[in-house]
Amino acid sequence: MDKTYPTFDICNLVTSKSSNDLFNADRFQGYLFKNPPIKQVHKHSFYHLVYFTAGKGQHIIDFKSYPIEPGCIYFMRPGQVHNWEFESDVDGYVINFSATFFDQLTISSSIIDQFPFFNIFASGQMLKLQKNSRPKAVTIFEEILKEWDNHLDFTSVAIAANMLKLFVLSSREVNSESPILTKTSYNSVLLKQFLNLIEENFKDVRLPKDYAALLYITSNHLNFICKDQINMSAGEIIRNRVLLEAKRMLVNFELSVATIGMELNFFDTSYFIKFFKKYTLFTPEAFRKQYYNKS
């Protein structure tokens, strides 16, 4: 039996609206009906945004569970593994957009990084909008669907403007204790640069001093920034990213534990197993078995 979880591109998904490689949008109920595999463990090659107006259940993002209920909005980055567990009929809105959607409009895609929920910390990617904000969110989603239906002049620009309006609305409701601070202080900028470097290099670069050198600061300064901004050491952040990738690979059941260890640059399988068990309390195989039946 094939036990490989799927990775979706935008063009793989069926919506009631027209679609292209950069963007699509739909009401969630119809989207779910047309794409039943999305209930299983899977990942996307694009940004994924879902807002619920009805229903109940759990949304598991990178192996952490969050509630599904009216008013909940989720923001996901490309590459994240997730699945839905619904306990009742659900509805709402879904938007999928590529990393280059804003670039094509001569709006730098780096604008996404200004918003605290599009970061590598899943805990900041779900928020429950206040009741007085929910009608505003619904109005924005309906405006996006209307624009996508009509395809008038400057439709993509209008959609981008509404998406940014939604991001701003949501960002203003993010708790002040969110892992990534919304203010653009010198330390918060350095932290974001550090996180970006980890994304690019975590398989090969494991030591804080090497990242500090890339940022032209000392190891002590890097640790101070991490502690000050998110109360974690630089080494802990690097290690957590390696563990996350290991978990993502382990739910791809066609990959052996040895292959995963090798891909993550562990010098032998036994060392990878010890590393994984030390920080998760599970062996890689025990962790994998938790998700085998779900797939």
Protein backbone atom coordinates (compact mmCIF):
# COMPACT_ATOMS: atom_id res chain seq x y z
CA MET A 1 0.00 0.00 0.00
CA ASP A 2 1.29 3.46 -0.86
CA LYS A 3 1.83 5.33 2.40
CA THR A 4 3.35 8.51 1.02
CA TYR A 5 1.49 11.65 2.06
CA PRO A 6 0.63 13.94 -0.85
CA THR A 7 2.20 17.31 -1.57
CA PHE A 8 -0.22 19.63 -3.38
CA ASP A 9 0.49 22.43 -5.82
CA ILE A 10 -2.25 25.00 -6.40
CA CYS A 11 -3.00 23.50 -9.80
CA ASN A 12 -3.67 20.07 -8.15
CA LEU A 13 -6.68 21.43 -6.25
CA VAL A 14 -10.25 21.64 -7.52
CA THR A 15 -12.29 24.74 -6.69
CA SER A 16 -15.68 26.01 -7.81
CA LYS A 17 -13.85 29.11 -9.07
CA SER A 18 -11.34 29.31 -11.88
CA SER A 19 -7.77 28.67 -10.79
CA ASN A 20 -4.19 29.28 -11.83
CA ASP A 21 -0.70 28.51 -10.55
CA LEU A 22 -0.55 31.63 -8.38
CA PHE A 23 -3.93 31.90 -6.65
CA ASN A 24 -7.29 30.33 -5.94
CA ALA A 25 -10.10 30.92 -3.46
CA ASP A 26 -13.33 29.17 -2.53
CA ARG A 27 -15.86 28.56 0.21
CA PHE A 28 -14.43 25.85 2.43
CA GLN A 29 -17.36 23.42 2.32
CA GLY A 30 -17.22 23.09 -1.46
CA TYR A 31 -13.43 23.00 -1.42
CA LEU A 32 -13.47 20.12 1.06
CA PHE A 33 -16.05 18.18 -0.97
CA LYS A 34 -14.03 18.55 -4.19
CA ASN A 35 -10.68 17.67 -2.58
CA PRO A 36 -11.27 14.76 -0.14
CA PRO A 37 -7.54 13.89 0.18
CA ILE A 38 -6.97 17.13 2.12
CA LYS A 39 -8.53 15.46 5.16
CA GLN A 40 -5.45 13.22 5.34
CA VAL A 41 -1.92 14.19 6.31
CA HIS A 42 -0.53 16.34 3.49
CA LYS A 43 1.44 19.47 2.72
CA HIS A 44 1.31 22.37 0.25
CA SER A 45 3.87 24.11 -1.91
CA PHE A 46 2.04 27.42 -1.38
CA TYR A 47 0.63 29.70 1.33
CA HIS A 48 -2.66 28.41 2.72
CA LEU A 49 -5.26 30.50 4.57
CA VAL A 50 -8.51 29.14 6.05
CA TYR A 51 -11.22 30.96 8.00
CA PHE A 52 -14.07 29.03 9.66
CA THR A 53 -17.61 30.36 10.00
CA ALA A 54 -19.14 27.06 11.13
CA GLY A 55 -18.10 23.65 12.42
CA LYS A 56 -16.01 21.96 15.04
CA GLY A 57 -12.92 19.78 15.14
CA GLN A 58 -9.15 19.86 15.29
CA HIS A 59 -6.52 21.18 12.90
CA ILE A 60 -3.11 19.53 13.29
CA ILE A 61 -0.26 21.73 11.99
CA ASP A 62 3.24 20.27 12.15
CA PHE A 63 2.05 17.78 14.79
CA LYS A 64 0.42 20.29 17.11
CA SER A 65 -3.35 20.37 17.50
CA TYR A 66 -5.51 23.51 17.39
CA PRO A 67 -9.30 23.89 17.65
CA ILE A 68 -11.65 24.39 14.73
CA GLU A 69 -14.59 26.62 15.60
CA PRO A 70 -16.31 29.73 14.18
CA GLY A 71 -14.00 32.73 14.13
CA CYS A 72 -10.77 30.71 13.89
CA ILE A 73 -8.39 31.73 11.12
CA TYR A 74 -5.27 29.80 10.11
CA PHE A 75 -2.22 31.05 8.19
CA MET A 76 0.19 28.42 6.84
CA ARG A 77 3.55 28.62 5.09
CA PRO A 78 4.64 26.39 2.19
CA GLY A 79 6.02 23.02 3.27
CA GLN A 80 4.06 22.59 6.49
CA VAL A 81 2.49 19.19 7.17
CA HIS A 82 -1.09 19.26 8.38
CA ASN A 83 -4.44 17.48 8.47
CA TRP A 84 -8.03 18.14 9.54
CA GLU A 85 -10.16 16.16 12.00
CA PHE A 86 -13.76 17.36 11.70
CA GLU A 87 -16.43 16.61 14.32
CA SER A 88 -19.30 18.32 12.48
CA ASP A 89 -20.08 19.99 9.15
CA VAL A 90 -17.72 22.89 8.55
CA ASP A 91 -17.81 25.97 6.37
CA GLY A 92 -15.86 29.14 5.84
CA TYR A 93 -13.33 30.33 3.27
CA VAL A 94 -10.02 29.14 1.85
CA ILE A 95 -7.35 31.07 -0.02
CA ASN A 96 -4.24 29.54 -1.59
CA PHE A 97 -1.52 31.72 -3.06
CA SER A 98 2.01 31.16 -4.28
CA ALA A 99 5.14 32.78 -2.88
CA THR A 100 5.30 34.89 -6.06
CA PHE A 101 1.67 36.07 -6.10
CA PHE A 102 2.58 39.53 -4.81
CA ASP A 103 5.78 39.71 -6.88
CA GLN A 104 3.82 39.52 -10.14
CA LEU A 105 2.06 42.73 -9.07
CA THR A 106 5.41 44.43 -8.36
CA ILE A 107 4.67 44.14 -4.64
CA SER A 108 7.61 42.41 -2.97
CA SER A 109 6.67 39.01 -1.56
CA SER A 110 8.76 39.95 1.48
CA ILE A 111 5.72 41.92 2.65
CA ILE A 112 4.34 38.58 3.91
CA ASP A 113 7.16 38.38 6.44
CA GLN A 114 5.93 41.58 8.09
CA PHE A 115 2.95 39.72 9.52
CA PRO A 116 3.55 37.68 12.69
CA PHE A 117 1.44 34.66 11.73
CA PHE A 118 3.46 33.73 8.61
CA ASN A 119 6.41 32.41 10.61
CA ILE A 120 7.94 29.06 11.51
CA PHE A 121 6.24 28.98 14.91
CA ALA A 122 2.92 27.18 14.43
CA SER A 123 1.54 28.53 17.70
CA GLY A 124 1.27 31.97 16.13
CA GLN A 125 -0.47 30.77 12.99
CA MET A 126 -3.96 30.36 14.45
CA LEU A 127 -6.02 33.07 16.06
CA LYS A 128 -9.66 33.48 16.94
CA LEU A 129 -11.01 36.77 15.69
CA GLN A 130 -13.01 38.89 18.08
CA LYS A 131 -16.75 38.84 17.38
CA ASN A 132 -16.80 42.43 16.11
CA SER A 133 -14.05 41.59 13.59
CA ARG A 134 -15.73 38.54 12.09
CA PRO A 135 -18.25 40.40 9.87
CA LYS A 136 -15.32 42.48 8.55
CA ALA A 137 -13.40 39.30 7.71
CA VAL A 138 -16.42 37.76 5.94
CA THR A 139 -16.88 40.96 3.91
CA ILE A 140 -13.25 40.80 2.80
CA PHE A 141 -13.49 37.13 1.80
CA GLU A 142 -16.71 37.75 -0.13
CA GLU A 143 -15.08 40.67 -1.92
CA ILE A 144 -12.17 38.44 -2.91
CA LEU A 145 -14.53 35.75 -4.24
CA LYS A 146 -16.52 38.37 -6.14
CA GLU A 147 -13.37 39.73 -7.76
CA TRP A 148 -12.19 36.22 -8.61
CA ASP A 149 -15.56 35.43 -10.23
CA ASN A 150 -15.73 38.55 -12.35
CA HIS A 151 -12.13 38.86 -13.56
CA LEU A 152 -12.39 42.57 -14.33
CA ASP A 153 -9.49 44.91 -15.00
CA PHE A 154 -7.01 44.94 -12.11
CA THR A 155 -8.67 41.91 -10.49
CA SER A 156 -5.35 40.60 -9.12
CA VAL A 157 -4.54 44.01 -7.67
CA ALA A 158 -7.95 44.21 -5.98
CA ILE A 159 -7.51 40.71 -4.55
CA ALA A 160 -4.03 41.55 -3.26
CA ALA A 161 -5.35 44.72 -1.63
CA ASN A 162 -8.11 42.77 0.12
CA MET A 163 -5.66 40.08 1.25
CA LEU A 164 -3.39 42.71 2.79
CA LYS A 165 -6.44 44.27 4.45
CA LEU A 166 -7.26 40.85 5.95
CA PHE A 167 -3.65 40.39 7.11
CA VAL A 168 -3.73 43.79 8.81
CA LEU A 169 -7.08 43.05 10.47
CA SER A 170 -5.72 39.73 11.78
CA SER A 171 -2.33 41.12 12.76
CA ARG A 172 -3.94 43.75 14.98
CA GLU A 173 -5.58 40.95 16.96
CA VAL A 174 -2.45 38.88 17.48
CA ASN A 175 -1.62 38.56 21.15
CA SER A 176 1.33 40.67 22.24
CA GLU A 177 2.98 37.47 23.47
CA SER A 178 3.19 36.08 19.95
CA PRO A 179 6.63 34.50 19.27
CA ILE A 180 7.56 37.06 16.61
CA LEU A 181 7.17 40.65 17.70
CA THR A 182 5.28 42.85 15.31
CA LYS A 183 7.53 45.84 15.95
CA THR A 184 10.52 46.20 13.66
CA SER A 185 13.24 46.74 16.24
CA TYR A 186 16.88 45.98 15.39
CA ASN A 187 16.74 42.74 17.41
CA SER A 188 13.49 41.56 15.79
CA VAL A 189 14.99 42.16 12.33
CA LEU A 190 18.08 40.13 13.27
CA LEU A 191 15.89 37.35 14.65
CA LYS A 192 13.94 37.15 11.39
CA GLN A 193 17.20 37.02 9.46
CA PHE A 194 18.41 34.23 11.76
CA LEU A 195 15.19 32.24 11.20
CA ASN A 196 15.51 32.68 7.44
CA LEU A 197 19.10 31.43 7.56
CA ILE A 198 17.98 28.38 9.54
CA GLU A 199 15.36 27.59 6.89
CA GLU A 200 18.05 27.67 4.21
CA ASN A 201 20.82 25.86 6.09
CA PHE A 202 19.52 23.73 8.98
CA LYS A 203 20.52 20.43 7.35
CA ASP A 204 24.15 21.47 7.10
CA VAL A 205 24.69 24.22 9.70
CA ARG A 206 23.91 23.28 13.30
CA LEU A 207 26.05 25.54 15.50
CA PRO A 208 24.89 28.98 16.73
CA LYS A 209 28.40 30.39 16.22
CA ASP A 210 28.19 29.65 12.48
CA TYR A 211 24.88 31.50 12.16
CA ALA A 212 26.24 34.34 14.27
CA ALA A 213 29.15 34.65 11.81
CA LEU A 214 26.70 34.83 8.89
CA LEU A 215 24.89 37.66 10.73
CA TYR A 216 28.19 39.43 11.61
CA ILE A 217 27.47 39.27 15.33
CA THR A 218 28.86 37.22 18.23
CA SER A 219 27.33 33.98 19.52
CA ASN A 220 26.54 35.69 22.82
CA HIS A 221 24.72 38.49 21.01
CA LEU A 222 22.70 35.97 18.97
CA ASN A 223 21.71 34.10 22.11
CA PHE A 224 20.73 37.34 23.82
CA ILE A 225 18.49 38.28 20.86
CA CYS A 226 16.77 34.87 20.86
CA LYS A 227 16.20 34.94 24.61
CA ASP A 228 14.99 38.52 24.50
CA GLN A 229 12.58 38.00 21.61
CA ILE A 230 11.18 34.48 22.08
CA ASN A 231 12.74 33.16 25.30
CA MET A 232 14.65 30.37 23.53
CA SER A 233 18.36 29.86 22.98
CA ALA A 234 19.76 29.93 19.45
CA GLY A 235 20.76 26.28 19.76
CA GLU A 236 17.23 25.32 20.82
CA ILE A 237 15.71 27.07 17.79
CA ILE A 238 18.10 25.29 15.42
CA ARG A 239 17.48 21.93 17.09
CA ASN A 240 13.69 22.37 16.96
CA ARG A 241 13.87 23.04 13.23
CA VAL A 242 15.85 19.83 12.67
CA LEU A 243 13.34 17.88 14.79
CA LEU A 244 10.42 19.37 12.87
CA GLU A 245 11.92 18.29 9.54
CA ALA A 246 12.55 14.82 10.95
CA LYS A 247 8.88 14.57 11.97
CA ARG A 248 7.73 15.79 8.57
CA MET A 249 9.86 13.16 6.87
CA LEU A 250 8.80 10.38 9.25
CA VAL A 251 5.14 10.67 8.21
CA ASN A 252 6.29 10.02 4.66
CA PHE A 253 6.25 6.26 5.20
CA GLU A 254 8.27 5.33 2.13
CA LEU A 255 11.39 6.88 3.68
CA SER A 256 13.37 4.63 6.00
CA VAL A 257 14.68 5.96 9.32
CA ALA A 258 18.22 5.47 7.99
CA THR A 259 17.45 7.51 4.88
CA ILE A 260 15.94 10.31 6.97
CA GLY A 261 18.97 10.38 9.27
CA MET A 262 21.27 10.54 6.26
CA GLU A 263 19.19 13.30 4.63
CA LEU A 264 19.47 15.35 7.82
CA ASN A 265 23.25 14.82 7.92
CA PHE A 266 23.50 12.59 10.99
CA PHE A 267 26.68 10.52 10.78
CA ASP A 268 24.86 7.28 11.58
CA THR A 269 21.33 6.01 12.17
CA SER A 270 21.84 5.21 15.86
CA TYR A 271 22.91 8.79 16.58
CA PHE A 272 19.81 10.12 14.79
CA ILE A 273 17.57 7.78 16.82
CA LYS A 274 19.20 8.87 20.11
CA PHE A 275 18.89 12.55 19.15
CA PHE A 276 15.22 12.20 18.21
CA LYS A 277 14.31 10.21 21.34
CA LYS A 278 16.17 12.59 23.66
CA TYR A 279 14.06 15.58 22.62
CA THR A 280 10.71 13.96 21.74
CA LEU A 281 10.70 10.95 24.14
CA PHE A 282 9.77 8.76 21.14
CA THR A 283 11.91 6.66 18.87
CA PRO A 284 11.42 7.62 15.20
CA GLU A 285 9.46 4.39 14.59
CA ALA A 286 7.21 4.97 17.62
CA PHE A 287 6.49 8.51 16.44
CA ARG A 288 5.75 7.22 12.94
CA LYS A 289 3.23 4.63 14.20
CA GLN A 290 1.06 7.39 15.68
CA TYR A 291 0.35 8.67 12.14
CA TYR A 292 0.37 5.41 10.17
CA ASN A 293 -3.35 4.65 10.51
CA LYS A 294 -4.32 8.29 9.99
CA SER A 295 -2.78 8.17 6.52
